[in-house]
Every structure is written in structure tokens, then in C-alpha cells.
Amino acid sequence: MLAVNYSTLRNDLKKFCDYANNDFETIIVTRKSGGNVVLLSEAEYNNLMENLYVRSDPEYYKKLLKSIEELKAREVVKADFLDE
């Protein structure tokens, strides 16, 4: 995570956009008057939104966690799906 003031961001916006996209860096933009903002890539934003959606349904989230535990314990069954 990087912190940068507004003036520095404005002068080097492309560089910080590249950090966010290429390095998945989160940039905190600080402002003298307060009300800081966060710059992150669209991919990171979409990932956050997807996680919020998944976690908003307790039953689905519980099933997901159970599946992860089964995978870690190697309690999985391999299945072949054939087109008919």
C-alpha cells in the first residue's frame, strides 16, 4: 500500500495508475483538507465487490468454506463430464 499526496498523484497520475494495475498496488491519496481517497485497479475493485457479494449470503458462504476445507483435506471426487 502506498500513500501519496494529491499534488504528487496529479503530477504522476500515469505512474500511479500503472502501479495500481500492474502491481495490484493500493494507493491512498491524502489531502490537506482530509477526506482521503483510495486508488485501486478495476480488477481489484471487482474482486472486492465479488467477495462482498459472496459473503452477503451466509448459506452460500458456509458452503464455500466447507468446499475449501474438503479440498484441503483432499476429500474431493474427480468427475468427468462428457458432452452427449
PDB file of N, CA and C in Angstrom:
ATOM      1  N   MET A   1       0.847  -1.163   0.000  1.00  0.00           N
ATOM      2  CA  MET A   1       0.000   0.000   0.000  1.00  0.00           C
ATOM      3  C   MET A   1       0.899   1.233   0.000  1.00  0.00           C
ATOM      4  N   LEU A   2       0.585   2.155  -0.876  1.00  0.00           N
ATOM      5  CA  LEU A   2       1.318   3.410  -0.967  1.00  0.00           C
ATOM      6  C   LEU A   2       0.435   4.553  -0.499  1.00  0.00           C
ATOM      7  N   ALA A   3       1.057   5.546   0.085  1.00  0.00           N
ATOM      8  CA  ALA A   3       0.349   6.779   0.418  1.00  0.00           C
ATOM      9  C   ALA A   3       1.024   7.909  -0.336  1.00  0.00           C
ATOM     10  N   VAL A   4       0.229   8.718  -0.997  1.00  0.00           N
ATOM     11  CA  VAL A   4       0.761   9.810  -1.803  1.00  0.00           C
ATOM     12  C   VAL A   4      -0.173  11.008  -1.664  1.00  0.00           C
ATOM     13  N   ASN A   5       0.403  12.202  -1.657  1.00  0.00           N
ATOM     14  CA  ASN A   5      -0.473  13.368  -1.559  1.00  0.00           C
ATOM     15  C   ASN A   5      -1.051  13.702  -2.934  1.00  0.00           C
ATOM     16  N   TYR A   6      -2.110  14.472  -2.911  1.00  0.00           N
ATOM     17  CA  TYR A   6      -2.856  14.791  -4.124  1.00  0.00           C
ATOM     18  C   TYR A   6      -1.979  15.417  -5.199  1.00  0.00           C
ATOM     19  N   SER A   7      -1.104  16.344  -4.820  1.00  0.00           N
ATOM     20  CA  SER A   7      -0.262  17.038  -5.804  1.00  0.00           C
ATOM     21  C   SER A   7       0.682  16.076  -6.500  1.00  0.00           C
ATOM     22  N   THR A   8       1.282  15.167  -5.741  1.00  0.00           N
ATOM     23  CA  THR A   8       2.188  14.174  -6.327  1.00  0.00           C
ATOM     24  C   THR A   8       1.422  13.260  -7.273  1.00  0.00           C
ATOM     25  N   LEU A   9       0.241  12.836  -6.855  1.00  0.00           N
ATOM     26  CA  LEU A   9      -0.588  11.988  -7.722  1.00  0.00           C
ATOM     27  C   LEU A   9      -0.910  12.712  -9.020  1.00  0.00           C
ATOM     28  N   ARG A  10      -1.314  13.944  -8.917  1.00  0.00           N
ATOM     29  CA  ARG A  10      -1.686  14.729 -10.095  1.00  0.00           C
ATOM     30  C   ARG A  10      -0.499  14.833 -11.064  1.00  0.00           C
ATOM     31  N   ASN A  11       0.698  15.042 -10.533  1.00  0.00           N
ATOM     32  CA  ASN A  11       1.880  15.188 -11.390  1.00  0.00           C
ATOM     33  C   ASN A  11       2.316  13.880 -12.043  1.00  0.00           C
ATOM     34  N   ASP A  12       2.033  12.750 -11.381  1.00  0.00           N
ATOM     35  CA  ASP A  12       2.483  11.442 -11.890  1.00  0.00           C
ATOM     36  C   ASP A  12       1.323  10.453 -11.979  1.00  0.00           C
ATOM     37  N   LEU A  13       0.174  10.893 -12.419  1.00  0.00           N
ATOM     38  CA  LEU A  13      -1.015  10.047 -12.432  1.00  0.00           C
ATOM     39  C   LEU A  13      -0.791   8.747 -13.195  1.00  0.00           C
ATOM     40  N   LYS A  14      -0.169   8.809 -14.367  1.00  0.00           N
ATOM     41  CA  LYS A  14       0.050   7.596 -15.149  1.00  0.00           C
ATOM     42  C   LYS A  14       0.875   6.575 -14.366  1.00  0.00           C
ATOM     43  N   LYS A  15       1.920   7.040 -13.708  1.00  0.00           N
ATOM     44  CA  LYS A  15       2.786   6.147 -12.937  1.00  0.00           C
ATOM     45  C   LYS A  15       1.986   5.440 -11.845  1.00  0.00           C
ATOM     46  N   PHE A  16       1.136   6.176 -11.134  1.00  0.00           N
ATOM     47  CA  PHE A  16       0.370   5.568 -10.055  1.00  0.00           C
ATOM     48  C   PHE A  16      -0.736   4.656 -10.587  1.00  0.00           C
ATOM     49  N   CYS A  17      -1.311   5.005 -11.725  1.00  0.00           N
ATOM     50  CA  CYS A  17      -2.284   4.103 -12.364  1.00  0.00           C
ATOM     51  C   CYS A  17      -1.599   2.804 -12.778  1.00  0.00           C
ATOM     52  N   ASP A  18      -0.381   2.912 -13.279  1.00  0.00           N
ATOM     53  CA  ASP A  18       0.382   1.709 -13.646  1.00  0.00           C
ATOM     54  C   ASP A  18       0.686   0.859 -12.414  1.00  0.00           C
ATOM     55  N   TYR A  19       1.057   1.495 -11.296  1.00  0.00           N
ATOM     56  CA  TYR A  19       1.284   0.742 -10.053  1.00  0.00           C
ATOM     57  C   TYR A  19       0.024  -0.026  -9.666  1.00  0.00           C
ATOM     58  N   ALA A  20      -1.112   0.652  -9.734  1.00  0.00           N
ATOM     59  CA  ALA A  20      -2.374   0.021  -9.341  1.00  0.00           C
ATOM     60  C   ALA A  20      -2.714  -1.154 -10.250  1.00  0.00           C
ATOM     61  N   ASN A  21      -2.510  -0.987 -11.551  1.00  0.00           N
ATOM     62  CA  ASN A  21      -2.875  -2.042 -12.493  1.00  0.00           C
ATOM     63  C   ASN A  21      -1.836  -3.146 -12.605  1.00  0.00           C
ATOM     64  N   ASN A  22      -0.585  -2.799 -12.704  1.00  0.00           N
ATOM     65  CA  ASN A  22       0.454  -3.801 -12.958  1.00  0.00           C
ATOM     66  C   ASN A  22       0.938  -4.502 -11.700  1.00  0.00           C
ATOM     67  N   ASP A  23       0.964  -3.786 -10.584  1.00  0.00           N
ATOM     68  CA  ASP A  23       1.484  -4.345  -9.337  1.00  0.00           C
ATOM     69  C   ASP A  23       0.393  -4.611  -8.310  1.00  0.00           C
ATOM     70  N   PHE A  24      -0.866  -4.388  -8.692  1.00  0.00           N
ATOM     71  CA  PHE A  24      -2.011  -4.539  -7.779  1.00  0.00           C
ATOM     72  C   PHE A  24      -1.784  -3.759  -6.485  1.00  0.00           C
ATOM     73  N   GLU A  25      -1.205  -2.595  -6.642  1.00  0.00           N
ATOM     74  CA  GLU A  25      -0.906  -1.725  -5.509  1.00  0.00           C
ATOM     75  C   GLU A  25      -2.138  -0.882  -5.182  1.00  0.00           C
ATOM     76  N   THR A  26      -2.408  -0.720  -3.909  1.00  0.00           N
ATOM     77  CA  THR A  26      -3.465   0.180  -3.458  1.00  0.00           C
ATOM     78  C   THR A  26      -2.809   1.499  -3.084  1.00  0.00           C
ATOM     79  N   ILE A  27      -3.334   2.583  -3.612  1.00  0.00           N
ATOM     80  CA  ILE A  27      -2.749   3.897  -3.361  1.00  0.00           C
ATOM     81  C   ILE A  27      -3.740   4.730  -2.559  1.00  0.00           C
ATOM     82  N   ILE A  28      -3.289   5.210  -1.414  1.00  0.00           N
ATOM     83  CA  ILE A  28      -4.082   6.121  -0.593  1.00  0.00           C
ATOM     84  C   ILE A  28      -3.695   7.535  -1.009  1.00  0.00           C
ATOM     85  N   VAL A  29      -4.661   8.306  -1.431  1.00  0.00           N
ATOM     86  CA  VAL A  29      -4.415   9.687  -1.841  1.00  0.00           C
ATOM     87  C   VAL A  29      -4.807  10.577  -0.673  1.00  0.00           C
ATOM     88  N   THR A  30      -3.794  11.223  -0.090  1.00  0.00           N
ATOM     89  CA  THR A  30      -4.041  12.078   1.066  1.00  0.00           C
ATOM     90  C   THR A  30      -4.294  13.506   0.608  1.00  0.00           C
ATOM     91  N   ARG A  31      -5.160  14.192   1.359  1.00  0.00           N
ATOM     92  CA  ARG A  31      -5.483  15.581   1.038  1.00  0.00           C
ATOM     93  C   ARG A  31      -5.389  16.419   2.305  1.00  0.00           C
ATOM     94  N   LYS A  32      -4.895  17.632   2.162  1.00  0.00           N
ATOM     95  CA  LYS A  32      -4.736  18.520   3.316  1.00  0.00           C
ATOM     96  C   LYS A  32      -6.047  18.728   4.056  1.00  0.00           C
ATOM     97  N   SER A  33      -7.128  18.843   3.298  1.00  0.00           N
ATOM     98  CA  SER A  33      -8.427  19.119   3.907  1.00  0.00           C
ATOM     99  C   SER A  33      -9.088  17.868   4.468  1.00  0.00           C
ATOM    100  N   GLY A  34      -8.411  16.732   4.388  1.00  0.00           N
ATOM    101  CA  GLY A  34      -8.997  15.476   4.855  1.00  0.00           C
ATOM    102  C   GLY A  34      -9.801  14.839   3.738  1.00  0.00           C
ATOM    103  N   GLY A  35     -10.522  13.800   4.064  1.00  0.00           N
ATOM    104  CA  GLY A  35     -11.307  13.105   3.045  1.00  0.00           C
ATOM    105  C   GLY A  35     -10.423  12.383   2.051  1.00  0.00           C
ATOM    106  N   ASN A  36      -9.476  11.599   2.558  1.00  0.00           N
ATOM    107  CA  ASN A  36      -8.590  10.845   1.679  1.00  0.00           C
ATOM    108  C   ASN A  36      -9.391   9.907   0.783  1.00  0.00           C
ATOM    109  N   VAL A  37      -8.792   9.512  -0.325  1.00  0.00           N
ATOM    110  CA  VAL A  37      -9.431   8.586  -1.253  1.00  0.00           C
ATOM    111  C   VAL A  37      -8.468   7.445  -1.564  1.00  0.00           C
ATOM    112  N   VAL A  38      -9.011   6.384  -2.148  1.00  0.00           N
ATOM    113  CA  VAL A  38      -8.217   5.203  -2.472  1.00  0.00           C
ATOM    114  C   VAL A  38      -8.260   4.977  -3.978  1.00  0.00           C
ATOM    115  N   LEU A  39      -7.096   4.709  -4.546  1.00  0.00           N
ATOM    116  CA  LEU A  39      -6.980   4.386  -5.969  1.00  0.00           C
ATOM    117  C   LEU A  39      -6.579   2.919  -6.060  1.00  0.00           C
ATOM    118  N   LEU A  40      -7.381   2.130  -6.776  1.00  0.00           N
ATOM    119  CA  LEU A  40      -7.042   0.736  -6.998  1.00  0.00           C
ATOM    120  C   LEU A  40      -7.495   0.329  -8.380  1.00  0.00           C
ATOM    121  N   SER A  41      -6.955  -0.777  -8.864  1.00  0.00           N
ATOM    122  CA  SER A  41      -7.282  -1.222 -10.217  1.00  0.00           C
ATOM    123  C   SER A  41      -8.732  -1.688 -10.295  1.00  0.00           C
ATOM    124  N   GLU A  42      -9.257  -1.702 -11.507  1.00  0.00           N
ATOM    125  CA  GLU A  42     -10.615  -2.198 -11.714  1.00  0.00           C
ATOM    126  C   GLU A  42     -10.706  -3.670 -11.319  1.00  0.00           C
ATOM    127  N   ALA A  43      -9.664  -4.433 -11.600  1.00  0.00           N
ATOM    128  CA  ALA A  43      -9.659  -5.852 -11.236  1.00  0.00           C
ATOM    129  C   ALA A  43      -9.753  -6.030  -9.725  1.00  0.00           C
ATOM    130  N   GLU A  44      -9.002  -5.235  -8.977  1.00  0.00           N
ATOM    131  CA  GLU A  44      -9.066  -5.308  -7.520  1.00  0.00           C
ATOM    132  C   GLU A  44     -10.434  -4.876  -7.005  1.00  0.00           C
ATOM    133  N   TYR A  45     -10.984  -3.828  -7.593  1.00  0.00           N
ATOM    134  CA  TYR A  45     -12.318  -3.371  -7.210  1.00  0.00           C
ATOM    135  C   TYR A  45     -13.355  -4.470  -7.458  1.00  0.00           C
ATOM    136  N   ASN A  46     -13.312  -5.086  -8.645  1.00  0.00           N
ATOM    137  CA  ASN A  46     -14.261  -6.158  -8.964  1.00  0.00           C
ATOM    138  C   ASN A  46     -14.106  -7.334  -8.005  1.00  0.00           C
ATOM    139  N   ASN A  47     -12.875  -7.651  -7.633  1.00  0.00           N
ATOM    140  CA  ASN A  47     -12.621  -8.727  -6.677  1.00  0.00           C
ATOM    141  C   ASN A  47     -13.249  -8.405  -5.319  1.00  0.00           C
ATOM    142  N   LEU A  48     -13.093  -7.169  -4.868  1.00  0.00           N
ATOM    143  CA  LEU A  48     -13.710  -6.760  -3.608  1.00  0.00           C
ATOM    144  C   LEU A  48     -15.233  -6.869  -3.667  1.00  0.00           C
ATOM    145  N   MET A  49     -15.813  -6.417  -4.759  1.00  0.00           N
ATOM    146  CA  MET A  49     -17.268  -6.465  -4.897  1.00  0.00           C
ATOM    147  C   MET A  49     -17.766  -7.910  -4.932  1.00  0.00           C
ATOM    148  N   GLU A  50     -17.038  -8.783  -5.618  1.00  0.00           N
ATOM    149  CA  GLU A  50     -17.424 -10.189  -5.677  1.00  0.00           C
ATOM    150  C   GLU A  50     -17.364 -10.825  -4.291  1.00  0.00           C
ATOM    151  N   ASN A  51     -16.304 -10.513  -3.550  1.00  0.00           N
ATOM    152  CA  ASN A  51     -16.187 -11.049  -2.194  1.00  0.00           C
ATOM    153  C   ASN A  51     -17.306 -10.550  -1.295  1.00  0.00           C
ATOM    154  N   LEU A  52     -17.650  -9.293  -1.414  1.00  0.00           N
ATOM    155  CA  LEU A  52     -18.763  -8.766  -0.621  1.00  0.00           C
ATOM    156  C   LEU A  52     -20.065  -9.478  -0.966  1.00  0.00           C
ATOM    157  N   TYR A  53     -20.270  -9.733  -2.253  1.00  0.00           N
ATOM    158  CA  TYR A  53     -21.490 -10.416  -2.689  1.00  0.00           C
ATOM    159  C   TYR A  53     -21.538 -11.839  -2.126  1.00  0.00           C
ATOM    160  N   VAL A  54     -20.432 -12.570  -2.252  1.00  0.00           N
ATOM    161  CA  VAL A  54     -20.388 -13.958  -1.773  1.00  0.00           C
ATOM    162  C   VAL A  54     -20.622 -14.002  -0.269  1.00  0.00           C
ATOM    163  N   ARG A  55     -19.997 -13.097   0.447  1.00  0.00           N
ATOM    164  CA  ARG A  55     -20.134 -13.100   1.908  1.00  0.00           C
ATOM    165  C   ARG A  55     -21.485 -12.574   2.384  1.00  0.00           C
ATOM    166  N   SER A  56     -22.233 -11.935   1.508  1.00  0.00           N
ATOM    167  CA  SER A  56     -23.536 -11.406   1.913  1.00  0.00           C
ATOM    168  C   SER A  56     -24.588 -12.490   2.021  1.00  0.00           C
ATOM    169  N   ASP A  57     -24.332 -13.674   1.470  1.00  0.00           N
ATOM    170  CA  ASP A  57     -25.265 -14.799   1.553  1.00  0.00           C
ATOM    171  C   ASP A  57     -24.653 -15.839   2.498  1.00  0.00           C
ATOM    172  N   PRO A  58     -25.081 -15.870   3.747  1.00  0.00           N
ATOM    173  CA  PRO A  58     -24.460 -16.757   4.735  1.00  0.00           C
ATOM    174  C   PRO A  58     -24.475 -18.233   4.341  1.00  0.00           C
ATOM    175  N   GLU A  59     -25.561 -18.704   3.747  1.00  0.00           N
ATOM    176  CA  GLU A  59     -25.633 -20.116   3.348  1.00  0.00           C
ATOM    177  C   GLU A  59     -24.615 -20.432   2.243  1.00  0.00           C
ATOM    178  N   TYR A  60     -24.550 -19.579   1.252  1.00  0.00           N
ATOM    179  CA  TYR A  60     -23.601 -19.799   0.159  1.00  0.00           C
ATOM    180  C   TYR A  60     -22.171 -19.742   0.677  1.00  0.00           C
ATOM    181  N   TYR A  61     -21.894 -18.780   1.557  1.00  0.00           N
ATOM    182  CA  TYR A  61     -20.553 -18.628   2.103  1.00  0.00           C
ATOM    183  C   TYR A  61     -20.167 -19.851   2.935  1.00  0.00           C
ATOM    184  N   LYS A  62     -21.119 -20.387   3.705  1.00  0.00           N
ATOM    185  CA  LYS A  62     -20.855 -21.584   4.500  1.00  0.00           C
ATOM    186  C   LYS A  62     -20.512 -22.767   3.584  1.00  0.00           C
ATOM    187  N   LYS A  63     -21.249 -22.913   2.474  1.00  0.00           N
ATOM    188  CA  LYS A  63     -20.966 -23.992   1.521  1.00  0.00           C
ATOM    189  C   LYS A  63     -19.587 -23.816   0.888  1.00  0.00           C
ATOM    190  N   LEU A  64     -19.237 -22.583   0.581  1.00  0.00           N
ATOM    191  CA  LEU A  64     -17.932 -22.308   0.003  1.00  0.00           C
ATOM    192  C   LEU A  64     -16.815 -22.687   0.972  1.00  0.00           C
ATOM    193  N   LEU A  65     -16.953 -22.303   2.228  1.00  0.00           N
ATOM    194  CA  LEU A  65     -15.940 -22.655   3.227  1.00  0.00           C
ATOM    195  C   LEU A  65     -15.831 -24.167   3.411  1.00  0.00           C
ATOM    196  N   LYS A  66     -16.967 -24.846   3.382  1.00  0.00           N
ATOM    197  CA  LYS A  66     -16.959 -26.313   3.502  1.00  0.00           C
ATOM    198  C   LYS A  66     -16.226 -26.932   2.313  1.00  0.00           C
ATOM    199  N   SER A  67     -16.463 -26.417   1.132  1.00  0.00           N
ATOM    200  CA  SER A  67     -15.792 -26.922  -0.064  1.00  0.00           C
ATOM    201  C   SER A  67     -14.278 -26.709   0.013  1.00  0.00           C
ATOM    202  N   ILE A  68     -13.884 -25.566   0.525  1.00  0.00           N
ATOM    203  CA  ILE A  68     -12.451 -25.281   0.667  1.00  0.00           C
ATOM    204  C   ILE A  68     -11.821 -26.262   1.649  1.00  0.00           C
ATOM    205  N   GLU A  69     -12.499 -26.525   2.761  1.00  0.00           N
ATOM    206  CA  GLU A  69     -11.975 -27.479   3.744  1.00  0.00           C
ATOM    207  C   GLU A  69     -11.873 -28.878   3.137  1.00  0.00           C
ATOM    208  N   GLU A  70     -12.869 -29.286   2.359  1.00  0.00           N
ATOM    209  CA  GLU A  70     -12.820 -30.596   1.709  1.00  0.00           C
ATOM    210  C   GLU A  70     -11.651 -30.670   0.740  1.00  0.00           C
ATOM    211  N   LEU A  71     -11.417 -29.599   0.022  1.00  0.00           N
ATOM    212  CA  LEU A  71     -10.293 -29.568  -0.912  1.00  0.00           C
ATOM    213  C   LEU A  71      -8.973 -29.688  -0.163  1.00  0.00           C
ATOM    214  N   LYS A  72      -8.830 -28.968   0.923  1.00  0.00           N
ATOM    215  CA  LYS A  72      -7.596 -29.039   1.720  1.00  0.00           C
ATOM    216  C   LYS A  72      -7.385 -30.432   2.293  1.00  0.00           C
ATOM    217  N   ALA A  73      -8.468 -31.100   2.666  1.00  0.00           N
ATOM    218  CA  ALA A  73      -8.390 -32.442   3.226  1.00  0.00           C
ATOM    219  C   ALA A  73      -8.351 -33.508   2.138  1.00  0.00           C
ATOM    220  N   ARG A  74      -8.329 -33.063   0.903  1.00  0.00           N
ATOM    221  CA  ARG A  74      -8.311 -33.962  -0.259  1.00  0.00           C
ATOM    222  C   ARG A  74      -9.521 -34.884  -0.293  1.00  0.00           C
ATOM    223  N   GLU A  75     -10.635 -34.384   0.168  1.00  0.00           N
ATOM    224  CA  GLU A  75     -11.888 -35.136   0.144  1.00  0.00           C
ATOM    225  C   GLU A  75     -12.694 -34.720  -1.085  1.00  0.00           C
ATOM    226  N   VAL A  76     -12.078 -34.848  -2.213  1.00  0.00           N
ATOM    227  CA  VAL A  76     -12.744 -34.448  -3.452  1.00  0.00           C
ATOM    228  C   VAL A  76     -12.905 -35.665  -4.350  1.00  0.00           C
ATOM    229  N   VAL A  77     -13.878 -35.587  -5.204  1.00  0.00           N
ATOM    230  CA  VAL A  77     -14.138 -36.658  -6.154  1.00  0.00           C
ATOM    231  C   VAL A  77     -13.945 -36.097  -7.539  1.00  0.00           C
ATOM    232  N   LYS A  78     -13.125 -36.778  -8.335  1.00  0.00           N
ATOM    233  CA  LYS A  78     -12.900 -36.347  -9.704  1.00  0.00           C
ATOM    234  C   LYS A  78     -14.047 -36.856 -10.559  1.00  0.00           C
ATOM    235  N   ALA A  79     -14.594 -35.967 -11.366  1.00  0.00           N
ATOM    236  CA  ALA A  79     -15.704 -36.344 -12.235  1.00  0.00           C
ATOM    237  C   ALA A  79     -15.392 -35.881 -13.654  1.00  0.00           C
ATOM    238  N   ASP A  80     -15.689 -36.737 -14.598  1.00  0.00           N
ATOM    239  CA  ASP A  80     -15.526 -36.384 -15.999  1.00  0.00           C
ATOM    240  C   ASP A  80     -16.899 -36.047 -16.563  1.00  0.00           C
ATOM    241  N   PHE A  81     -16.994 -34.938 -17.221  1.00  0.00           N
ATOM    242  CA  PHE A  81     -18.253 -34.532 -17.836  1.00  0.00           C
ATOM    243  C   PHE A  81     -18.104 -34.699 -19.336  1.00  0.00           C
ATOM    244  N   LEU A  82     -19.007 -35.472 -19.901  1.00  0.00           N
ATOM    245  CA  LEU A  82     -18.962 -35.742 -21.341  1.00  0.00           C
ATOM    246  C   LEU A  82     -20.108 -35.058 -22.022  1.00  0.00           C
ATOM    247  N   ASP A  83     -19.831 -34.509 -23.180  1.00  0.00           N
ATOM    248  CA  ASP A  83     -20.910 -33.912 -23.993  1.00  0.00           C
ATOM    249  C   ASP A  83     -21.642 -35.047 -24.688  1.00  0.00           C
ATOM    250  N   GLU A  84     -22.935 -35.044 -24.624  1.00  0.00           N
ATOM    251  CA  GLU A  84     -23.700 -36.097 -25.309  1.00  0.00           C
ATOM    252  C   GLU A  84     -24.448 -35.522 -26.460  1.00  0.00           C
TER     253      GLU A  84
END
